[in-house]
């Protein structure tokens, strides 16, 4: 009788990855087209990413916390608390998302 090989176990993502990626997906879903809805979505992404960062360590953790800080800054710029161009922060966010995806194996 020939033994049947066991299927390989799925890779385990580093802590915080699933929650961080869910936060980013929710931001994309909820941002809308108005400054107010984008600010609300950025604020929620900040809170969700801070929670995700609690489960993360090392480079993954620092990347998640950097994204959280960027979303906090985006919220401040969109609500007018900081008089600066939100597109600058969006560029930083867009640069950090691929890094998070790579670290998380997505």
N, C-alpha and C. Protein backbone atom coordinates (compact mmCIF):
# COMPACT_ATOMS: atom_id res chain seq x y z
N UNK A 1 0.84 -1.17 0.00
CA UNK A 1 0.00 0.00 0.00
C UNK A 1 0.90 1.24 0.00
N UNK A 2 0.67 2.16 -0.92
CA UNK A 2 1.45 3.38 -1.05
C UNK A 2 0.89 4.43 -0.10
N UNK A 3 1.77 5.04 0.70
CA UNK A 3 1.27 6.08 1.61
C UNK A 3 0.82 7.31 0.83
N UNK A 4 -0.25 7.89 1.29
CA UNK A 4 -0.79 9.10 0.68
C UNK A 4 -0.12 10.30 1.37
N UNK A 5 0.53 11.15 0.59
CA UNK A 5 1.20 12.30 1.21
C UNK A 5 0.18 13.26 1.82
N UNK A 6 0.56 13.78 2.96
CA UNK A 6 -0.29 14.77 3.62
C UNK A 6 -0.20 16.09 2.85
N UNK A 7 -1.30 16.80 2.76
CA UNK A 7 -1.21 18.11 2.11
C UNK A 7 -0.38 19.04 2.98
N UNK A 8 0.36 19.96 2.37
CA UNK A 8 1.20 20.87 3.16
C UNK A 8 0.33 21.79 4.01
N UNK A 9 0.85 22.15 5.14
CA UNK A 9 0.15 23.10 6.00
C UNK A 9 0.25 24.48 5.40
N UNK A 10 -0.82 25.26 5.52
CA UNK A 10 -0.74 26.63 5.00
C UNK A 10 0.24 27.45 5.83
N UNK A 11 0.86 28.39 5.18
CA UNK A 11 1.80 29.28 5.87
C UNK A 11 1.03 30.16 6.85
N UNK A 12 1.62 30.40 7.98
CA UNK A 12 1.01 31.25 8.99
C UNK A 12 1.53 32.67 8.80
N UNK A 13 0.61 33.60 8.69
CA UNK A 13 1.00 35.00 8.54
C UNK A 13 1.50 35.52 9.88
N UNK A 14 2.42 36.46 9.84
CA UNK A 14 2.87 37.09 11.08
C UNK A 14 1.71 37.77 11.81
N UNK A 15 1.83 37.87 13.13
CA UNK A 15 0.79 38.51 13.93
C UNK A 15 0.49 39.92 13.46
N UNK A 16 -0.76 40.27 13.46
CA UNK A 16 -1.20 41.60 13.06
C UNK A 16 -1.53 41.75 11.59
N UNK A 17 -1.04 40.84 10.76
CA UNK A 17 -1.23 40.99 9.31
C UNK A 17 -2.70 40.96 8.90
N UNK A 18 -3.44 39.97 9.36
CA UNK A 18 -4.83 39.87 8.94
C UNK A 18 -5.63 41.10 9.35
N UNK A 19 -5.42 41.54 10.59
CA UNK A 19 -6.17 42.71 11.06
C UNK A 19 -5.74 43.98 10.34
N UNK A 20 -4.46 44.12 10.05
CA UNK A 20 -3.98 45.30 9.33
C UNK A 20 -4.52 45.32 7.91
N UNK A 21 -4.49 44.18 7.25
CA UNK A 21 -4.99 44.13 5.88
C UNK A 21 -6.50 44.35 5.84
N UNK A 22 -7.21 43.88 6.87
CA UNK A 22 -8.65 44.14 6.95
C UNK A 22 -8.91 45.63 7.15
N UNK A 23 -8.08 46.30 7.94
CA UNK A 23 -8.23 47.74 8.16
C UNK A 23 -8.02 48.51 6.87
N UNK A 24 -7.02 48.11 6.09
CA UNK A 24 -6.76 48.78 4.81
C UNK A 24 -7.89 48.54 3.82
N UNK A 25 -8.42 47.33 3.80
CA UNK A 25 -9.55 47.02 2.90
C UNK A 25 -10.77 47.83 3.31
N UNK A 26 -11.02 47.97 4.60
CA UNK A 26 -12.16 48.75 5.08
C UNK A 26 -11.99 50.22 4.70
N UNK A 27 -10.77 50.74 4.79
CA UNK A 27 -10.54 52.12 4.39
C UNK A 27 -10.90 52.31 2.92
N UNK A 28 -10.40 51.41 2.08
CA UNK A 28 -10.69 51.53 0.63
C UNK A 28 -12.19 51.45 0.37
N UNK A 29 -12.88 50.61 1.11
CA UNK A 29 -14.32 50.43 0.93
C UNK A 29 -15.10 51.66 1.41
N UNK A 30 -14.65 52.27 2.50
CA UNK A 30 -15.46 53.28 3.18
C UNK A 30 -15.05 54.72 2.92
N UNK A 31 -13.92 54.95 2.25
CA UNK A 31 -13.40 56.30 2.11
C UNK A 31 -14.34 57.23 1.34
N UNK A 32 -15.02 56.73 0.34
CA UNK A 32 -15.93 57.58 -0.42
C UNK A 32 -15.20 58.66 -1.19
N UNK A 33 -15.96 59.65 -1.61
CA UNK A 33 -15.37 60.69 -2.47
C UNK A 33 -15.35 62.06 -1.80
N UNK A 34 -15.93 62.19 -0.62
CA UNK A 34 -15.90 63.49 0.05
C UNK A 34 -14.78 63.53 1.10
N UNK A 35 -14.34 64.71 1.38
CA UNK A 35 -13.27 64.90 2.37
C UNK A 35 -13.70 64.36 3.74
N UNK A 36 -14.96 64.60 4.09
CA UNK A 36 -15.46 64.14 5.39
C UNK A 36 -15.48 62.63 5.50
N UNK A 37 -15.95 61.95 4.46
CA UNK A 37 -15.99 60.48 4.52
C UNK A 37 -14.58 59.90 4.49
N UNK A 38 -13.67 60.56 3.77
CA UNK A 38 -12.28 60.10 3.75
C UNK A 38 -11.63 60.31 5.11
N UNK A 39 -11.94 61.42 5.77
CA UNK A 39 -11.39 61.68 7.11
C UNK A 39 -11.92 60.65 8.10
N UNK A 40 -13.22 60.36 8.04
CA UNK A 40 -13.80 59.35 8.94
C UNK A 40 -13.15 57.99 8.72
N UNK A 41 -12.99 57.61 7.45
CA UNK A 41 -12.38 56.31 7.13
C UNK A 41 -10.91 56.27 7.57
N UNK A 42 -10.21 57.39 7.43
CA UNK A 42 -8.81 57.44 7.86
C UNK A 42 -8.71 57.32 9.38
N UNK A 43 -9.63 57.96 10.10
CA UNK A 43 -9.64 57.84 11.56
C UNK A 43 -9.90 56.42 12.01
N UNK A 44 -10.83 55.75 11.34
CA UNK A 44 -11.12 54.36 11.68
C UNK A 44 -9.94 53.46 11.33
N UNK A 45 -9.30 53.72 10.20
CA UNK A 45 -8.12 52.93 9.81
C UNK A 45 -7.01 53.11 10.85
N UNK A 46 -6.84 54.32 11.33
CA UNK A 46 -5.83 54.57 12.38
C UNK A 46 -6.12 53.69 13.60
N UNK A 47 -7.36 53.71 14.08
CA UNK A 47 -7.71 52.92 15.27
C UNK A 47 -7.53 51.43 15.03
N UNK A 48 -7.98 50.97 13.87
CA UNK A 48 -7.87 49.54 13.55
C UNK A 48 -6.41 49.11 13.41
N UNK A 49 -5.60 49.95 12.80
CA UNK A 49 -4.18 49.62 12.64
C UNK A 49 -3.45 49.64 13.98
N UNK A 50 -3.82 50.56 14.86
CA UNK A 50 -3.21 50.57 16.20
C UNK A 50 -3.53 49.26 16.92
N UNK A 51 -4.77 48.78 16.79
CA UNK A 51 -5.14 47.49 17.39
C UNK A 51 -4.34 46.36 16.76
N UNK A 52 -4.21 46.37 15.44
CA UNK A 52 -3.44 45.33 14.75
C UNK A 52 -1.99 45.34 15.18
N UNK A 53 -1.46 46.53 15.42
CA UNK A 53 -0.07 46.66 15.83
C UNK A 53 0.22 46.02 17.18
N UNK A 54 -0.81 45.84 18.00
CA UNK A 54 -0.62 45.19 19.30
C UNK A 54 -0.24 43.73 19.15
N UNK A 55 -0.68 43.10 18.06
CA UNK A 55 -0.39 41.69 17.81
C UNK A 55 0.88 41.48 17.00
N UNK A 56 1.49 42.56 16.54
CA UNK A 56 2.60 42.46 15.60
C UNK A 56 3.93 42.73 16.29
N UNK A 57 4.96 42.13 15.72
CA UNK A 57 6.31 42.31 16.25
C UNK A 57 7.27 42.63 15.11
N UNK A 58 8.45 43.10 15.48
CA UNK A 58 9.52 43.30 14.51
C UNK A 58 9.15 44.26 13.40
N UNK A 59 9.63 43.93 12.22
CA UNK A 59 9.41 44.79 11.05
C UNK A 59 7.94 44.92 10.70
N UNK A 60 7.19 43.83 10.86
CA UNK A 60 5.75 43.89 10.58
C UNK A 60 5.10 44.90 11.52
N UNK A 61 5.43 44.80 12.81
CA UNK A 61 4.86 45.71 13.79
C UNK A 61 5.20 47.16 13.51
N UNK A 62 6.45 47.43 13.17
CA UNK A 62 6.85 48.81 12.90
C UNK A 62 6.18 49.34 11.63
N UNK A 63 5.98 48.47 10.65
CA UNK A 63 5.30 48.90 9.42
C UNK A 63 3.84 49.22 9.70
N UNK A 64 3.18 48.37 10.48
CA UNK A 64 1.78 48.62 10.84
C UNK A 64 1.66 49.92 11.63
N UNK A 65 2.55 50.12 12.59
CA UNK A 65 2.49 51.35 13.39
C UNK A 65 2.79 52.59 12.54
N UNK A 66 3.69 52.47 11.57
CA UNK A 66 3.96 53.59 10.67
C UNK A 66 2.71 53.91 9.84
N UNK A 67 2.04 52.88 9.33
CA UNK A 67 0.79 53.11 8.59
C UNK A 67 -0.26 53.75 9.48
N UNK A 68 -0.36 53.30 10.73
CA UNK A 68 -1.32 53.89 11.66
C UNK A 68 -1.05 55.38 11.82
N UNK A 69 0.22 55.74 12.02
CA UNK A 69 0.59 57.15 12.17
C UNK A 69 0.26 57.94 10.90
N UNK A 70 0.47 57.33 9.76
CA UNK A 70 0.16 58.01 8.49
C UNK A 70 -1.34 58.24 8.36
N UNK A 71 -2.16 57.28 8.75
CA UNK A 71 -3.61 57.48 8.69
C UNK A 71 -4.07 58.51 9.70
N UNK A 72 -3.42 58.58 10.85
CA UNK A 72 -3.74 59.61 11.83
C UNK A 72 -3.43 60.99 11.24
N UNK A 73 -2.27 61.10 10.58
CA UNK A 73 -1.89 62.36 9.93
C UNK A 73 -2.86 62.69 8.79
N UNK A 74 -3.27 61.69 8.02
CA UNK A 74 -4.22 61.92 6.93
C UNK A 74 -5.53 62.45 7.49
N UNK A 75 -6.00 61.87 8.57
CA UNK A 75 -7.23 62.34 9.20
C UNK A 75 -7.07 63.80 9.63
N UNK A 76 -5.94 64.13 10.24
CA UNK A 76 -5.71 65.51 10.69
C UNK A 76 -5.69 66.48 9.52
N UNK A 77 -5.10 66.09 8.42
CA UNK A 77 -5.04 66.97 7.25
C UNK A 77 -6.40 67.10 6.59
N UNK A 78 -7.15 66.02 6.53
CA UNK A 78 -8.47 66.07 5.88
C UNK A 78 -9.49 66.86 6.70
N UNK A 79 -9.35 66.83 8.03
CA UNK A 79 -10.28 67.57 8.88
C UNK A 79 -9.86 69.02 9.07
N UNK A 80 -8.69 69.40 8.59
CA UNK A 80 -8.22 70.77 8.71
C UNK A 80 -7.46 71.06 9.99
N UNK A 81 -7.22 70.04 10.81
CA UNK A 81 -6.43 70.25 12.04
C UNK A 81 -4.99 70.59 11.70
N UNK A 82 -4.53 70.10 10.55
CA UNK A 82 -3.19 70.41 10.05
C UNK A 82 -3.36 70.97 8.65
N UNK A 83 -2.79 72.13 8.41
CA UNK A 83 -2.91 72.76 7.10
C UNK A 83 -1.78 72.28 6.21
N UNK A 84 -1.98 71.12 5.61
CA UNK A 84 -0.99 70.55 4.69
C UNK A 84 -1.72 69.67 3.69
N UNK A 85 -1.04 69.36 2.63
CA UNK A 85 -1.62 68.59 1.53
C UNK A 85 -1.79 67.12 1.92
N UNK A 86 -3.03 66.61 1.93
CA UNK A 86 -3.25 65.20 2.25
C UNK A 86 -2.61 64.25 1.23
N UNK A 87 -2.40 64.72 0.02
CA UNK A 87 -1.82 63.84 -1.01
C UNK A 87 -0.40 63.42 -0.67
N UNK A 88 0.32 64.23 0.11
CA UNK A 88 1.66 63.85 0.54
C UNK A 88 1.61 62.60 1.43
N UNK A 89 0.64 62.57 2.34
CA UNK A 89 0.50 61.42 3.24
C UNK A 89 -0.02 60.21 2.46
N UNK A 90 -0.92 60.45 1.54
CA UNK A 90 -1.44 59.35 0.72
C UNK A 90 -0.30 58.69 -0.05
N UNK A 91 0.64 59.47 -0.53
CA UNK A 91 1.81 58.90 -1.23
C UNK A 91 2.62 58.02 -0.29
N UNK A 92 2.79 58.45 0.96
CA UNK A 92 3.51 57.64 1.94
C UNK A 92 2.77 56.34 2.23
N UNK A 93 1.46 56.43 2.39
CA UNK A 93 0.63 55.24 2.64
C UNK A 93 0.76 54.27 1.47
N UNK A 94 0.63 54.81 0.26
CA UNK A 94 0.72 53.95 -0.93
C UNK A 94 2.10 53.31 -1.07
N UNK A 95 3.13 53.95 -0.54
CA UNK A 95 4.47 53.36 -0.58
C UNK A 95 4.64 52.27 0.48
N UNK A 96 3.94 52.40 1.60
CA UNK A 96 4.09 51.43 2.70
C UNK A 96 3.20 50.20 2.57
N UNK A 97 2.10 50.31 1.87
CA UNK A 97 1.19 49.16 1.73
C UNK A 97 1.87 47.98 1.04
N UNK A 98 2.60 48.17 -0.07
CA UNK A 98 3.29 47.02 -0.67
C UNK A 98 4.31 46.37 0.26
N UNK A 99 4.95 47.16 1.10
CA UNK A 99 5.89 46.61 2.07
C UNK A 99 5.16 45.71 3.05
N UNK A 100 4.02 46.19 3.56
CA UNK A 100 3.23 45.36 4.48
C UNK A 100 2.77 44.08 3.79
N UNK A 101 2.31 44.19 2.57
CA UNK A 101 1.84 43.01 1.84
C UNK A 101 2.97 42.00 1.65
N UNK A 102 4.15 42.51 1.35
CA UNK A 102 5.31 41.61 1.18
C UNK A 102 5.65 40.92 2.49
N UNK A 103 5.69 41.69 3.57
CA UNK A 103 6.02 41.12 4.88
C UNK A 103 4.98 40.10 5.34
N UNK A 104 3.74 40.33 4.93
CA UNK A 104 2.64 39.44 5.35
C UNK A 104 2.44 38.27 4.37
N UNK A 105 3.21 38.25 3.32
CA UNK A 105 3.10 37.14 2.37
C UNK A 105 1.89 37.21 1.49
N UNK A 106 1.44 38.43 1.18
CA UNK A 106 0.26 38.61 0.31
C UNK A 106 0.66 39.17 -1.02
